[in-house]
Protein backbone atom coordinates (compact mmCIF):
# COMPACT_ATOMS: atom_id res chain seq x y z
CA UNK A 1 12.81 -3.80 17.64
CA UNK A 2 9.97 -5.40 15.70
CA UNK A 3 10.75 -5.25 11.63
CA UNK A 4 7.28 -3.90 9.49
CA UNK A 5 7.31 -3.53 6.29
CA UNK A 6 5.62 -0.42 5.00
CA UNK A 7 3.51 -1.58 1.10
CA UNK A 8 2.09 1.80 0.66
CA UNK A 9 3.28 5.12 0.73
CA UNK A 10 3.89 8.21 -0.76
CA UNK A 11 7.64 9.05 -0.90
CA UNK A 12 9.12 10.03 -3.62
CA UNK A 13 9.81 13.18 -4.09
CA UNK A 14 7.89 15.72 -6.52
CA UNK A 15 5.93 13.13 -8.28
CA UNK A 16 2.31 13.16 -6.59
CA UNK A 17 0.57 14.37 -3.36
CA UNK A 18 3.10 13.07 -1.31
CA UNK A 19 6.77 13.73 -0.34
CA UNK A 20 7.72 17.43 -1.70
CA UNK A 21 11.04 17.40 -2.24
CA UNK A 22 13.71 15.16 -1.90
CA UNK A 23 14.66 16.68 2.22
CA UNK A 24 11.13 15.81 2.81
CA UNK A 25 11.66 12.14 1.69
CA UNK A 26 14.69 12.11 3.82
CA UNK A 27 12.55 13.24 7.08
CA UNK A 28 9.77 10.78 5.92
CA UNK A 29 12.65 7.97 5.47
CA UNK A 30 13.71 8.63 9.16
CA UNK A 31 10.43 8.93 10.71
CA UNK A 32 9.96 5.24 9.08
CA UNK A 33 13.42 3.69 10.49
CA UNK A 34 12.66 4.94 13.99
CA UNK A 35 8.97 3.32 13.61
CA UNK A 36 11.02 -0.26 12.99
CA UNK A 37 9.97 0.19 9.53
CA UNK A 38 12.99 -1.80 7.13
CA UNK A 39 11.30 -2.03 3.76
CA UNK A 40 8.81 0.21 1.96
CA UNK A 41 7.13 0.03 -1.24
CA UNK A 42 6.94 3.19 -2.57
CA UNK A 43 3.34 3.57 -4.36
CA UNK A 44 3.15 6.91 -6.33
CA UNK A 45 -0.13 7.63 -7.12
CA UNK A 46 -1.72 6.54 -11.32
CA UNK A 47 -4.41 8.80 -10.86
CA UNK A 48 -5.58 11.85 -13.17
CA UNK A 49 -5.90 14.74 -10.86
CA UNK A 50 -3.08 13.65 -8.04
CA UNK A 51 -0.39 12.59 -10.20
CA UNK A 52 0.49 9.99 -12.65
CA UNK A 53 4.47 9.81 -13.46
CA UNK A 54 6.15 7.76 -16.31
CA UNK A 55 7.63 4.61 -15.11
CA UNK A 56 11.41 5.74 -16.00
CA UNK A 57 10.81 9.21 -14.55
CA UNK A 58 9.70 7.10 -11.53
CA UNK A 59 12.66 4.94 -11.85
CA UNK A 60 14.90 7.40 -11.80
CA UNK A 61 13.36 8.60 -7.98
CA UNK A 62 13.70 5.90 -6.64
CA UNK A 63 17.33 5.27 -7.08
CA UNK A 64 17.56 8.86 -4.86
CA UNK A 65 15.11 7.73 -2.35
CA UNK A 66 17.42 4.08 -2.42
CA UNK A 67 20.76 5.82 -1.98
CA UNK A 68 19.05 7.93 0.63
CA UNK A 69 17.49 4.95 2.56
CA UNK A 70 21.23 3.27 2.48
CA UNK A 71 22.37 6.34 3.83
CA UNK A 72 20.63 5.55 7.13
CA UNK A 73 21.12 1.59 6.74
CA UNK A 74 22.70 -0.12 4.28
CA UNK A 75 19.52 -2.57 4.98
CA UNK A 76 16.77 -0.35 4.68
CA UNK A 77 15.16 -1.69 1.44
CA UNK A 78 13.07 0.75 -1.17
CA UNK A 79 10.71 -1.24 -3.64
CA UNK A 80 8.79 0.25 -5.93
CA UNK A 81 4.60 0.13 -6.85
CA UNK A 82 1.97 2.17 -7.70
CA UNK A 83 -1.77 2.78 -5.97
CA UNK A 84 -4.00 2.79 -9.30
CA UNK A 85 -7.04 4.32 -9.23
CA UNK A 86 -9.22 2.43 -11.33
CA UNK A 87 -10.70 3.62 -14.82
CA UNK A 88 -11.86 1.38 -17.80
CA UNK A 89 -8.12 1.95 -19.34
CA UNK A 90 -6.07 0.94 -16.58
CA UNK A 91 -6.01 -3.18 -17.65
CA UNK A 92 -5.14 -2.53 -21.10
CA UNK A 93 -2.49 0.53 -19.75
CA UNK A 94 -0.81 -2.32 -17.22
CA UNK A 95 -0.37 -4.56 -20.08
CA UNK A 96 1.48 -2.11 -22.35
CA UNK A 97 3.78 -0.64 -19.20
CA UNK A 98 2.58 2.37 -18.88
CA UNK A 99 1.63 1.70 -15.29
CA UNK A 100 3.65 -0.44 -12.73
CA UNK A 101 2.66 -3.31 -10.90
CA UNK A 102 3.64 -3.99 -7.47
CA UNK A 103 7.83 -4.73 -7.76
CA UNK A 104 7.35 -5.94 -11.11
CA UNK A 105 5.39 -8.74 -10.36
CA UNK A 106 1.91 -9.57 -11.69
CA UNK A 107 0.08 -7.79 -8.37
CA UNK A 108 -1.35 -4.50 -8.87
CA UNK A 109 -2.62 -2.09 -5.84
CA UNK A 110 -5.67 -0.29 -7.09
CA UNK A 111 -7.96 2.25 -5.24
CA UNK A 112 -11.48 3.81 -6.02
CA UNK A 113 -13.29 6.74 -5.25
CA UNK A 114 -14.85 6.45 -1.81
CA UNK A 115 -17.73 6.97 -2.50
CA UNK A 116 -18.38 4.73 -5.96
CA UNK A 117 -20.41 1.88 -5.97
CA UNK A 118 -20.33 -1.54 -4.75
CA UNK A 119 -20.93 -2.65 -8.04
CA UNK A 120 -18.40 -0.39 -10.08
CA UNK A 121 -15.82 -1.50 -7.60
CA UNK A 122 -16.74 -5.40 -7.69
CA UNK A 123 -17.00 -4.95 -11.63
CA UNK A 124 -13.38 -3.03 -11.84
CA UNK A 125 -11.76 -5.14 -9.77
CA UNK A 126 -13.02 -8.42 -11.89
CA UNK A 127 -11.72 -6.06 -15.00
CA UNK A 128 -8.44 -5.84 -13.66
CA UNK A 129 -8.43 -9.79 -12.83
CA UNK A 130 -9.57 -10.75 -15.69
CA UNK A 131 -6.26 -8.90 -17.74
CA UNK A 132 -4.21 -11.53 -15.53
CA UNK A 133 -3.29 -9.41 -12.22
CA UNK A 134 -3.67 -10.02 -8.69
CA UNK A 135 -5.25 -7.28 -6.91
CA UNK A 136 -4.45 -5.89 -3.66
CA UNK A 137 -7.50 -3.31 -2.67
CA UNK A 138 -5.93 -0.06 -1.15
CA UNK A 139 -7.16 0.91 1.93
CA UNK A 140 -10.80 -0.54 1.94
CA UNK A 141 -11.98 0.91 4.92
CA UNK A 142 -12.42 4.34 2.91
CA UNK A 143 -15.44 2.93 0.80
CA UNK A 144 -18.36 3.63 2.51
CA UNK A 145 -20.41 0.67 0.92
CA UNK A 146 -18.16 -1.74 2.70
CA UNK A 147 -17.89 -0.06 5.51
CA UNK A 148 -21.67 -0.16 5.74
CA UNK A 149 -22.13 -3.69 4.65
CA UNK A 150 -19.00 -6.08 5.80
CA UNK A 151 -20.65 -8.92 3.77
CA UNK A 152 -19.88 -7.21 0.45
CA UNK A 153 -16.18 -6.60 1.50
CA UNK A 154 -16.83 -10.55 2.63
CA UNK A 155 -17.90 -11.08 -1.33
CA UNK A 156 -14.42 -9.24 -2.45
CA UNK A 157 -12.20 -11.22 -0.12
CA UNK A 158 -13.66 -14.07 -1.53
CA UNK A 159 -13.19 -13.27 -5.51
CA UNK A 160 -9.72 -13.36 -4.60
CA UNK A 161 -8.82 -10.00 -3.70
CA UNK A 162 -6.24 -8.79 -1.64
CA UNK A 163 -7.00 -6.72 1.11
CA UNK A 164 -5.12 -3.29 2.68
CA UNK A 165 -5.70 -1.51 5.38
CA UNK A 166 -3.85 1.86 6.61
CA UNK A 167 -2.32 2.44 9.92
CA UNK A 168 -4.47 5.49 11.16
CA UNK A 169 -7.40 2.82 11.34
CA UNK A 170 -6.33 0.81 13.32
CA UNK A 171 -4.87 3.01 15.83
CA UNK A 172 -8.75 5.31 15.52
CA UNK A 173 -6.90 8.26 13.54
CA UNK A 174 -9.38 7.65 10.56
CA UNK A 175 -12.30 7.37 13.45
CA UNK A 176 -14.51 5.35 14.94
CA UNK A 177 -16.34 3.31 12.42
CA UNK A 178 -13.19 2.58 9.89
CA UNK A 179 -11.58 1.13 13.13
CA UNK A 180 -14.40 -0.98 13.84
CA UNK A 181 -14.18 -1.88 10.35
CA UNK A 182 -10.68 -3.03 10.07
CA UNK A 183 -11.54 -4.72 13.22
CA UNK A 184 -13.64 -6.34 11.80
CA UNK A 185 -11.26 -7.69 9.04
CA UNK A 186 -9.20 -8.79 11.77
CA UNK A 187 -11.43 -10.79 13.46
CA UNK A 188 -11.74 -12.47 10.27
CA UNK A 189 -8.46 -13.04 9.15
CA UNK A 190 -9.01 -10.87 5.95
CA UNK A 191 -6.42 -8.64 5.82
CA UNK A 192 -3.49 -9.22 3.67
CA UNK A 193 -1.73 -6.22 4.37
CA UNK A 194 -1.04 -3.16 6.24
CA UNK A 195 0.45 0.45 4.82
CA UNK A 196 1.30 3.64 5.94
CA UNK A 197 0.01 5.68 3.29
CA UNK A 198 2.60 8.04 4.83
CA UNK A 199 2.34 11.61 2.37
CA UNK A 200 4.56 14.00 4.20
CA UNK A 201 6.33 14.33 8.00
CA UNK A 202 3.26 15.95 10.22
CA UNK A 203 -0.58 14.60 9.43
CA UNK A 204 0.17 12.01 7.39
CA UNK A 205 3.96 10.31 8.09
CA UNK A 206 4.84 6.66 8.17
CA UNK A 207 4.26 5.59 11.42
CA UNK A 208 3.26 1.56 12.27
CA UNK A 209 4.80 0.89 15.30
CA UNK A 210 1.96 2.10 17.47
CA UNK A 211 -0.51 0.01 15.09
CA UNK A 212 1.55 -2.83 15.37
CA UNK A 213 2.17 -3.37 19.06
CA UNK A 214 -1.77 -2.82 19.24
CA UNK A 215 -2.49 -5.80 16.69
CA UNK A 216 0.41 -7.84 18.76
CA UNK A 217 -1.27 -7.52 22.05
CA UNK A 218 -5.01 -8.16 21.34
CA UNK A 219 -4.14 -10.90 18.34
CA UNK A 220 -0.80 -12.15 18.96
CA UNK A 221 2.61 -11.60 17.36
CA UNK A 222 2.16 -14.40 14.42
CA UNK A 223 -0.47 -12.63 13.13
CA UNK A 224 1.21 -9.09 13.68
CA UNK A 225 3.86 -10.60 11.98
CA UNK A 226 1.71 -11.67 9.19
CA UNK A 227 0.07 -8.58 7.86
CA UNK A 228 3.15 -6.11 9.21
CA UNK A 229 5.76 -7.95 7.21
CA UNK A 230 5.40 -11.58 6.41
CA UNK A 231 2.83 -10.93 3.63
CA UNK A 232 4.20 -8.20 1.73
CA UNK A 233 7.94 -10.03 1.90
CA UNK A 234 6.57 -12.37 -0.61
CA UNK A 235 6.20 -9.90 -3.28
CA UNK A 236 9.72 -8.24 -2.66
CA UNK A 237 11.62 -11.76 -3.19
CA UNK A 238 14.14 -12.06 -6.06
CA UNK A 239 12.91 -13.84 -9.34
CA UNK A 240 16.32 -14.91 -10.65
CA UNK A 241 15.26 -13.58 -14.17
CA UNK A 242 14.54 -10.12 -13.30
CA UNK A 243 16.69 -7.16 -11.76
CA UNK A 244 15.19 -5.82 -8.51
CA UNK A 245 13.08 -2.64 -8.88
């Protein structure tokens, strides 16, 4: 079986609109493992309405989830990041340690409202870059301005922003327009990584196998491994001077 890294999922229990309980988290972990996922980056929302848990609380939740994952397989790894809804205070809160980065690196995953203008999205990304962070744009296929004008997402890519897409958009679960958009991104080799964006065990479960199989068939095994494993793995390598997590 192939091995995948899910770089975007809401698997921590009771912190946002993702897993509601530890029981649901455990079921999501089993689904993920059966799909071939061997590493997950938990990305709880930092959002004014969907959740903004304190980093200390999120790390305690992470400890519980890691134990549950190791009960499935001792090599099943869970890491911690965040899906950050952009606001003008985000760069300062990142500097103060009030918002988590991806596995304590200088990489952050940022989302916007689907209807935000291109100028607002571009300026928000630039603000975070100017604060010294490498930016991953979460589920790029959700932003109307980018889907409607592909040259705008090319502009963001050329700014050095990494692009994350969701598995459901590869398989067509998010509609034909999103599927065509992510296909165009992959055709141009503009995808950094893939996430399930899982929130539960039903309609938003941590599924990756079907999407990975499609990419492998259409783009080849090397490209599939690049966006489903290798690029995300670079964020998970240990740095000697810091502890994991």
